[in-house]
Amino acid sequence: MISSNVEDGFDINSLMRPKRVCLCRLVTEKELVDAIQAGAHTIEELRETTRASTGCGTCAQAVNRILQRELENISLRKSQ
């Protein structure tokens, strides 16, 4: 069992700073956003670029939500 008690010598919260979207590959939201802004506009391109969602797959929905959000932001910026 993983303990979140710092007294036990392991602080699970330390894994989340900066916020990790993919714990298997230790990919942060910022790394995903940077990859999208650099041209990774599909889930496959994001996986190839960042390796996010290539482990257990638990983060796949979160990665996809970030991708959709950022693509929408890119589209809005282009239309202005």
PDB file of N, CA and C in Angstrom:
ATOM      1  N   MET A   1       0.836  -1.189   0.000  1.00  0.00           N
ATOM      2  CA  MET A   1       0.000   0.000   0.000  1.00  0.00           C
ATOM      3  C   MET A   1       0.874   1.243   0.000  1.00  0.00           C
ATOM      4  N   ILE A   2       0.540   2.209  -0.836  1.00  0.00           N
ATOM      5  CA  ILE A   2       1.282   3.469  -0.892  1.00  0.00           C
ATOM      6  C   ILE A   2       0.720   4.406   0.154  1.00  0.00           C
ATOM      7  N   SER A   3       1.597   4.936   0.959  1.00  0.00           N
ATOM      8  CA  SER A   3       1.188   5.874   1.993  1.00  0.00           C
ATOM      9  C   SER A   3       1.461   7.288   1.527  1.00  0.00           C
ATOM     10  N   SER A   4       0.541   8.191   1.824  1.00  0.00           N
ATOM     11  CA  SER A   4       0.765   9.594   1.491  1.00  0.00           C
ATOM     12  C   SER A   4       1.315  10.353   2.695  1.00  0.00           C
ATOM     13  N   ASN A   5       1.682   9.635   3.713  1.00  0.00           N
ATOM     14  CA  ASN A   5       2.195  10.241   4.931  1.00  0.00           C
ATOM     15  C   ASN A   5       3.689  10.504   4.779  1.00  0.00           C
ATOM     16  N   VAL A   6       4.091  11.766   4.877  1.00  0.00           N
ATOM     17  CA  VAL A   6       5.486  12.146   4.719  1.00  0.00           C
ATOM     18  C   VAL A   6       6.354  11.470   5.774  1.00  0.00           C
ATOM     19  N   GLU A   7       5.807  11.210   6.940  1.00  0.00           N
ATOM     20  CA  GLU A   7       6.567  10.560   8.010  1.00  0.00           C
ATOM     21  C   GLU A   7       7.016   9.157   7.609  1.00  0.00           C
ATOM     22  N   ASP A   8       6.291   8.530   6.694  1.00  0.00           N
ATOM     23  CA  ASP A   8       6.659   7.194   6.219  1.00  0.00           C
ATOM     24  C   ASP A   8       7.785   7.255   5.194  1.00  0.00           C
ATOM     25  N   GLY A   9       8.211   8.470   4.830  1.00  0.00           N
ATOM     26  CA  GLY A   9       9.308   8.625   3.885  1.00  0.00           C
ATOM     27  C   GLY A   9       8.876   8.784   2.441  1.00  0.00           C
ATOM     28  N   PHE A  10       7.593   8.751   2.175  1.00  0.00           N
ATOM     29  CA  PHE A  10       7.112   8.903   0.806  1.00  0.00           C
ATOM     30  C   PHE A  10       5.927   9.849   0.791  1.00  0.00           C
ATOM     31  N   ASP A  11       6.023  10.888  -0.007  1.00  0.00           N
ATOM     32  CA  ASP A  11       4.939  11.852  -0.142  1.00  0.00           C
ATOM     33  C   ASP A  11       4.377  11.738  -1.547  1.00  0.00           C
ATOM     34  N   ILE A  12       3.229  11.086  -1.692  1.00  0.00           N
ATOM     35  CA  ILE A  12       2.628  10.884  -3.011  1.00  0.00           C
ATOM     36  C   ILE A  12       2.324  12.211  -3.696  1.00  0.00           C
ATOM     37  N   ASN A  13       2.063  13.254  -2.925  1.00  0.00           N
ATOM     38  CA  ASN A  13       1.778  14.559  -3.507  1.00  0.00           C
ATOM     39  C   ASN A  13       2.978  15.123  -4.258  1.00  0.00           C
ATOM     40  N   SER A  14       4.173  14.689  -3.909  1.00  0.00           N
ATOM     41  CA  SER A  14       5.364  15.181  -4.604  1.00  0.00           C
ATOM     42  C   SER A  14       5.371  14.734  -6.065  1.00  0.00           C
ATOM     43  N   LEU A  15       4.660  13.673  -6.383  1.00  0.00           N
ATOM     44  CA  LEU A  15       4.566  13.227  -7.769  1.00  0.00           C
ATOM     45  C   LEU A  15       3.721  14.174  -8.613  1.00  0.00           C
ATOM     46  N   MET A  16       2.913  14.972  -7.970  1.00  0.00           N
ATOM     47  CA  MET A  16       1.964  15.821  -8.675  1.00  0.00           C
ATOM     48  C   MET A  16       2.419  17.267  -8.812  1.00  0.00           C
ATOM     49  N   ARG A  17       3.668  17.551  -8.523  1.00  0.00           N
ATOM     50  CA  ARG A  17       4.178  18.924  -8.672  1.00  0.00           C
ATOM     51  C   ARG A  17       5.382  18.909  -9.559  1.00  0.00           C
ATOM     52  N   PRO A  18       5.351  19.448 -10.757  1.00  0.00           N
ATOM     53  CA  PRO A  18       4.172  20.049 -11.379  1.00  0.00           C
ATOM     54  C   PRO A  18       3.131  18.984 -11.702  1.00  0.00           C
ATOM     55  N   LYS A  19       1.929  19.447 -11.966  1.00  0.00           N
ATOM     56  CA  LYS A  19       0.823  18.510 -12.177  1.00  0.00           C
ATOM     57  C   LYS A  19       1.148  17.549 -13.307  1.00  0.00           C
ATOM     58  N   ARG A  20       1.107  16.284 -12.993  1.00  0.00           N
ATOM     59  CA  ARG A  20       1.360  15.234 -13.978  1.00  0.00           C
ATOM     60  C   ARG A  20       0.018  14.728 -14.503  1.00  0.00           C
ATOM     61  N   VAL A  21      -0.110  14.707 -15.798  1.00  0.00           N
ATOM     62  CA  VAL A  21      -1.308  14.149 -16.417  1.00  0.00           C
ATOM     63  C   VAL A  21      -1.110  12.650 -16.580  1.00  0.00           C
ATOM     64  N   CYS A  22       0.097  12.261 -16.977  1.00  0.00           N
ATOM     65  CA  CYS A  22       0.434  10.851 -17.188  1.00  0.00           C
ATOM     66  C   CYS A  22       1.490  10.452 -16.160  1.00  0.00           C
ATOM     67  N   LEU A  23       1.079   9.656 -15.185  1.00  0.00           N
ATOM     68  CA  LEU A  23       2.012   9.224 -14.143  1.00  0.00           C
ATOM     69  C   LEU A  23       2.981   8.162 -14.637  1.00  0.00           C
ATOM     70  N   CYS A  24       2.556   7.329 -15.566  1.00  0.00           N
ATOM     71  CA  CYS A  24       3.450   6.278 -16.077  1.00  0.00           C
ATOM     72  C   CYS A  24       4.678   6.875 -16.747  1.00  0.00           C
ATOM     73  N   ARG A  25       4.459   7.931 -17.529  1.00  0.00           N
ATOM     74  CA  ARG A  25       5.540   8.556 -18.306  1.00  0.00           C
ATOM     75  C   ARG A  25       5.971   9.908 -17.741  1.00  0.00           C
ATOM     76  N   LEU A  26       5.355  10.299 -16.603  1.00  0.00           N
ATOM     77  CA  LEU A  26       5.683  11.557 -15.911  1.00  0.00           C
ATOM     78  C   LEU A  26       5.538  12.784 -16.806  1.00  0.00           C
ATOM     79  N   VAL A  27       4.470  12.806 -17.602  1.00  0.00           N
ATOM     80  CA  VAL A  27       4.210  13.909 -18.527  1.00  0.00           C
ATOM     81  C   VAL A  27       3.313  14.938 -17.850  1.00  0.00           C
ATOM     82  N   THR A  28       3.731  16.198 -17.904  1.00  0.00           N
ATOM     83  CA  THR A  28       2.959  17.277 -17.298  1.00  0.00           C
ATOM     84  C   THR A  28       1.981  17.876 -18.311  1.00  0.00           C
ATOM     85  N   GLU A  29       1.017  18.602 -17.781  1.00  0.00           N
ATOM     86  CA  GLU A  29       0.075  19.308 -18.658  1.00  0.00           C
ATOM     87  C   GLU A  29       0.816  20.316 -19.517  1.00  0.00           C
ATOM     88  N   LYS A  30       1.804  20.991 -18.944  1.00  0.00           N
ATOM     89  CA  LYS A  30       2.588  21.972 -19.701  1.00  0.00           C
ATOM     90  C   LYS A  30       3.304  21.321 -20.878  1.00  0.00           C
ATOM     91  N   GLU A  31       3.850  20.121 -20.671  1.00  0.00           N
ATOM     92  CA  GLU A  31       4.514  19.426 -21.769  1.00  0.00           C
ATOM     93  C   GLU A  31       3.526  19.083 -22.888  1.00  0.00           C
ATOM     94  N   LEU A  32       2.321  18.710 -22.518  1.00  0.00           N
ATOM     95  CA  LEU A  32       1.292  18.426 -23.520  1.00  0.00           C
ATOM     96  C   LEU A  32       0.921  19.688 -24.283  1.00  0.00           C
ATOM     97  N   VAL A  33       0.691  20.771 -23.560  1.00  0.00           N
ATOM     98  CA  VAL A  33       0.319  22.040 -24.192  1.00  0.00           C
ATOM     99  C   VAL A  33       1.440  22.513 -25.119  1.00  0.00           C
ATOM    100  N   ASP A  34       2.675  22.413 -24.668  1.00  0.00           N
ATOM    101  CA  ASP A  34       3.813  22.819 -25.498  1.00  0.00           C
ATOM    102  C   ASP A  34       3.878  21.985 -26.780  1.00  0.00           C
ATOM    103  N   ALA A  35       3.653  20.684 -26.662  1.00  0.00           N
ATOM    104  CA  ALA A  35       3.683  19.804 -27.835  1.00  0.00           C
ATOM    105  C   ALA A  35       2.561  20.149 -28.811  1.00  0.00           C
ATOM    106  N   ILE A  36       1.396  20.462 -28.288  1.00  0.00           N
ATOM    107  CA  ILE A  36       0.263  20.835 -29.142  1.00  0.00           C
ATOM    108  C   ILE A  36       0.570  22.140 -29.862  1.00  0.00           C
ATOM    109  N   GLN A  37       1.090  23.100 -29.144  1.00  0.00           N
ATOM    110  CA  GLN A  37       1.441  24.381 -29.755  1.00  0.00           C
ATOM    111  C   GLN A  37       2.558  24.238 -30.786  1.00  0.00           C
ATOM    112  N   ALA A  38       3.377  23.204 -30.630  1.00  0.00           N
ATOM    113  CA  ALA A  38       4.467  22.952 -31.576  1.00  0.00           C
ATOM    114  C   ALA A  38       4.007  22.124 -32.779  1.00  0.00           C
ATOM    115  N   GLY A  39       2.729  21.710 -32.799  1.00  0.00           N
ATOM    116  CA  GLY A  39       2.213  21.038 -33.977  1.00  0.00           C
ATOM    117  C   GLY A  39       1.656  19.642 -33.790  1.00  0.00           C
ATOM    118  N   ALA A  40       1.699  19.086 -32.591  1.00  0.00           N
ATOM    119  CA  ALA A  40       1.107  17.768 -32.345  1.00  0.00           C
ATOM    120  C   ALA A  40      -0.396  17.946 -32.193  1.00  0.00           C
ATOM    121  N   HIS A  41      -1.136  17.721 -33.279  1.00  0.00           N
ATOM    122  CA  HIS A  41      -2.565  18.031 -33.283  1.00  0.00           C
ATOM    123  C   HIS A  41      -3.460  16.808 -33.291  1.00  0.00           C
ATOM    124  N   THR A  42      -2.895  15.628 -33.094  1.00  0.00           N
ATOM    125  CA  THR A  42      -3.701  14.412 -32.962  1.00  0.00           C
ATOM    126  C   THR A  42      -3.222  13.665 -31.720  1.00  0.00           C
ATOM    127  N   ILE A  43      -4.050  12.771 -31.233  1.00  0.00           N
ATOM    128  CA  ILE A  43      -3.665  11.988 -30.060  1.00  0.00           C
ATOM    129  C   ILE A  43      -2.441  11.135 -30.387  1.00  0.00           C
ATOM    130  N   GLU A  44      -2.363  10.641 -31.610  1.00  0.00           N
ATOM    131  CA  GLU A  44      -1.212   9.832 -32.011  1.00  0.00           C
ATOM    132  C   GLU A  44       0.073  10.657 -32.002  1.00  0.00           C
ATOM    133  N   GLU A  45      -0.012  11.894 -32.504  1.00  0.00           N
ATOM    134  CA  GLU A  45       1.161  12.774 -32.504  1.00  0.00           C
ATOM    135  C   GLU A  45       1.581  13.126 -31.083  1.00  0.00           C
ATOM    136  N   LEU A  46       0.594  13.341 -30.208  1.00  0.00           N
ATOM    137  CA  LEU A  46       0.920  13.627 -28.806  1.00  0.00           C
ATOM    138  C   LEU A  46       1.595  12.438 -28.148  1.00  0.00           C
ATOM    139  N   ARG A  47       1.089  11.255 -28.419  1.00  0.00           N
ATOM    140  CA  ARG A  47       1.698  10.045 -27.860  1.00  0.00           C
ATOM    141  C   ARG A  47       3.136   9.889 -28.348  1.00  0.00           C
ATOM    142  N   GLU A  48       3.334  10.116 -29.637  1.00  0.00           N
ATOM    143  CA  GLU A  48       4.668   9.983 -30.211  1.00  0.00           C
ATOM    144  C   GLU A  48       5.628  11.030 -29.648  1.00  0.00           C
ATOM    145  N   THR A  49       5.146  12.248 -29.499  1.00  0.00           N
ATOM    146  CA  THR A  49       5.982  13.356 -29.047  1.00  0.00           C
ATOM    147  C   THR A  49       6.284  13.299 -27.560  1.00  0.00           C
ATOM    148  N   THR A  50       5.252  12.998 -26.746  1.00  0.00           N
ATOM    149  CA  THR A  50       5.413  13.089 -25.288  1.00  0.00           C
ATOM    150  C   THR A  50       5.429  11.741 -24.582  1.00  0.00           C
ATOM    151  N   ARG A  51       4.958  10.693 -25.258  1.00  0.00           N
ATOM    152  CA  ARG A  51       4.785   9.359 -24.689  1.00  0.00           C
ATOM    153  C   ARG A  51       3.616   9.281 -23.700  1.00  0.00           C
ATOM    154  N   ALA A  52       2.870  10.371 -23.548  1.00  0.00           N
ATOM    155  CA  ALA A  52       1.689  10.348 -22.676  1.00  0.00           C
ATOM    156  C   ALA A  52       0.687   9.345 -23.213  1.00  0.00           C
ATOM    157  N   SER A  53       0.027   8.644 -22.316  1.00  0.00           N
ATOM    158  CA  SER A  53      -1.013   7.680 -22.659  1.00  0.00           C
ATOM    159  C   SER A  53      -0.471   6.460 -23.404  1.00  0.00           C
ATOM    160  N   THR A  54       0.812   6.157 -23.204  1.00  0.00           N
ATOM    161  CA  THR A  54       1.389   4.964 -23.832  1.00  0.00           C
ATOM    162  C   THR A  54       1.728   3.897 -22.801  1.00  0.00           C
ATOM    163  N   GLY A  55       1.379   4.152 -21.543  1.00  0.00           N
ATOM    164  CA  GLY A  55       1.606   3.171 -20.489  1.00  0.00           C
ATOM    165  C   GLY A  55       0.317   2.427 -20.220  1.00  0.00           C
ATOM    166  N   CYS A  56      -0.277   2.713 -19.082  1.00  0.00           N
ATOM    167  CA  CYS A  56      -1.496   2.001 -18.678  1.00  0.00           C
ATOM    168  C   CYS A  56      -2.746   2.534 -19.378  1.00  0.00           C
ATOM    169  N   GLY A  57      -2.697   3.771 -19.888  1.00  0.00           N
ATOM    170  CA  GLY A  57      -3.832   4.346 -20.600  1.00  0.00           C
ATOM    171  C   GLY A  57      -4.853   5.052 -19.730  1.00  0.00           C
ATOM    172  N   THR A  58      -4.649   5.071 -18.432  1.00  0.00           N
ATOM    173  CA  THR A  58      -5.601   5.714 -17.526  1.00  0.00           C
ATOM    174  C   THR A  58      -5.774   7.197 -17.842  1.00  0.00           C
ATOM    175  N   CYS A  59      -4.746   7.837 -18.333  1.00  0.00           N
ATOM    176  CA  CYS A  59      -4.784   9.279 -18.586  1.00  0.00           C
ATOM    177  C   CYS A  59      -5.343   9.635 -19.961  1.00  0.00           C
ATOM    178  N   ALA A  60      -5.712   8.662 -20.763  1.00  0.00           N
ATOM    179  CA  ALA A  60      -6.123   8.915 -22.152  1.00  0.00           C
ATOM    180  C   ALA A  60      -7.232   9.960 -22.266  1.00  0.00           C
ATOM    181  N   GLN A  61      -8.233   9.888 -21.399  1.00  0.00           N
ATOM    182  CA  GLN A  61      -9.319  10.874 -21.463  1.00  0.00           C
ATOM    183  C   GLN A  61      -8.820  12.270 -21.115  1.00  0.00           C
ATOM    184  N   ALA A  62      -7.969  12.377 -20.112  1.00  0.00           N
ATOM    185  CA  ALA A  62      -7.431  13.684 -19.726  1.00  0.00           C
ATOM    186  C   ALA A  62      -6.560  14.258 -20.836  1.00  0.00           C
ATOM    187  N   VAL A  63      -5.749  13.417 -21.445  1.00  0.00           N
ATOM    188  CA  VAL A  63      -4.894  13.867 -22.553  1.00  0.00           C
ATOM    189  C   VAL A  63      -5.769  14.346 -23.702  1.00  0.00           C
ATOM    190  N   ASN A  64      -6.817  13.615 -24.017  1.00  0.00           N
ATOM    191  CA  ASN A  64      -7.717  14.006 -25.098  1.00  0.00           C
ATOM    192  C   ASN A  64      -8.445  15.310 -24.784  1.00  0.00           C
ATOM    193  N   ARG A  65      -8.868  15.491 -23.530  1.00  0.00           N
ATOM    194  CA  ARG A  65      -9.529  16.754 -23.145  1.00  0.00           C
ATOM    195  C   ARG A  65      -8.579  17.933 -23.318  1.00  0.00           C
ATOM    196  N   ILE A  66      -7.330  17.771 -22.899  1.00  0.00           N
ATOM    197  CA  ILE A  66      -6.340  18.847 -23.048  1.00  0.00           C
ATOM    198  C   ILE A  66      -6.113  19.133 -24.529  1.00  0.00           C
ATOM    199  N   LEU A  67      -5.999  18.090 -25.334  1.00  0.00           N
ATOM    200  CA  LEU A  67      -5.810  18.273 -26.774  1.00  0.00           C
ATOM    201  C   LEU A  67      -6.975  19.048 -27.376  1.00  0.00           C
ATOM    202  N   GLN A  68      -8.206  18.648 -27.086  1.00  0.00           N
ATOM    203  CA  GLN A  68      -9.376  19.331 -27.635  1.00  0.00           C
ATOM    204  C   GLN A  68      -9.444  20.784 -27.177  1.00  0.00           C
ATOM    205  N   ARG A  69      -9.157  21.022 -25.907  1.00  0.00           N
ATOM    206  CA  ARG A  69      -9.172  22.388 -25.368  1.00  0.00           C
ATOM    207  C   ARG A  69      -8.154  23.259 -26.091  1.00  0.00           C
ATOM    208  N   GLU A  70      -6.948  22.742 -26.248  1.00  0.00           N
ATOM    209  CA  GLU A  70      -5.885  23.532 -26.870  1.00  0.00           C
ATOM    210  C   GLU A  70      -6.119  23.747 -28.358  1.00  0.00           C
ATOM    211  N   LEU A  71      -6.670  22.749 -29.046  1.00  0.00           N
ATOM    212  CA  LEU A  71      -6.997  22.934 -30.463  1.00  0.00           C
ATOM    213  C   LEU A  71      -8.082  23.990 -30.633  1.00  0.00           C
ATOM    214  N   GLU A  72      -9.035  24.007 -29.707  1.00  0.00           N
ATOM    215  CA  GLU A  72     -10.075  25.040 -29.746  1.00  0.00           C
ATOM    216  C   GLU A  72      -9.451  26.420 -29.506  1.00  0.00           C
ATOM    217  N   ASN A  73      -8.527  26.506 -28.553  1.00  0.00           N
ATOM    218  CA  ASN A  73      -7.848  27.778 -28.287  1.00  0.00           C
ATOM    219  C   ASN A  73      -7.054  28.251 -29.508  1.00  0.00           C
ATOM    220  N   ILE A  74      -6.389  27.321 -30.183  1.00  0.00           N
ATOM    221  CA  ILE A  74      -5.638  27.667 -31.398  1.00  0.00           C
ATOM    222  C   ILE A  74      -6.589  28.195 -32.467  1.00  0.00           C
ATOM    223  N   SER A  75      -7.715  27.513 -32.638  1.00  0.00           N
ATOM    224  CA  SER A  75      -8.706  27.920 -33.617  1.00  0.00           C
ATOM    225  C   SER A  75      -9.266  29.309 -33.316  1.00  0.00           C
ATOM    226  N   LEU A  76      -9.537  29.568 -32.044  1.00  0.00           N
ATOM    227  CA  LEU A  76     -10.042  30.889 -31.647  1.00  0.00           C
ATOM    228  C   LEU A  76      -9.020  31.984 -31.910  1.00  0.00           C
ATOM    229  N   ARG A  77      -7.768  31.708 -31.626  1.00  0.00           N
ATOM    230  CA  ARG A  77      -6.707  32.712 -31.874  1.00  0.00           C
ATOM    231  C   ARG A  77      -6.567  33.002 -33.363  1.00  0.00           C
ATOM    232  N   LYS A  78      -6.698  31.979 -34.186  1.00  0.00           N
ATOM    233  CA  LYS A  78      -6.583  32.166 -35.655  1.00  0.00           C
ATOM    234  C   LYS A  78      -7.733  32.997 -36.205  1.00  0.00           C
ATOM    235  N   SER A  79      -8.923  32.866 -35.597  1.00  0.00           N
ATOM    236  CA  SER A  79     -10.096  33.566 -36.109  1.00  0.00           C
ATOM    237  C   SER A  79     -10.180  35.029 -35.650  1.00  0.00           C
ATOM    238  N   GLN A  80      -9.293  35.408 -34.771  1.00  0.00           N
ATOM    239  CA  GLN A  80      -9.337  36.796 -34.255  1.00  0.00           C
ATOM    240  C   GLN A  80      -8.606  37.752 -35.151  1.00  0.00           C
TER     241      GLN A  80
END
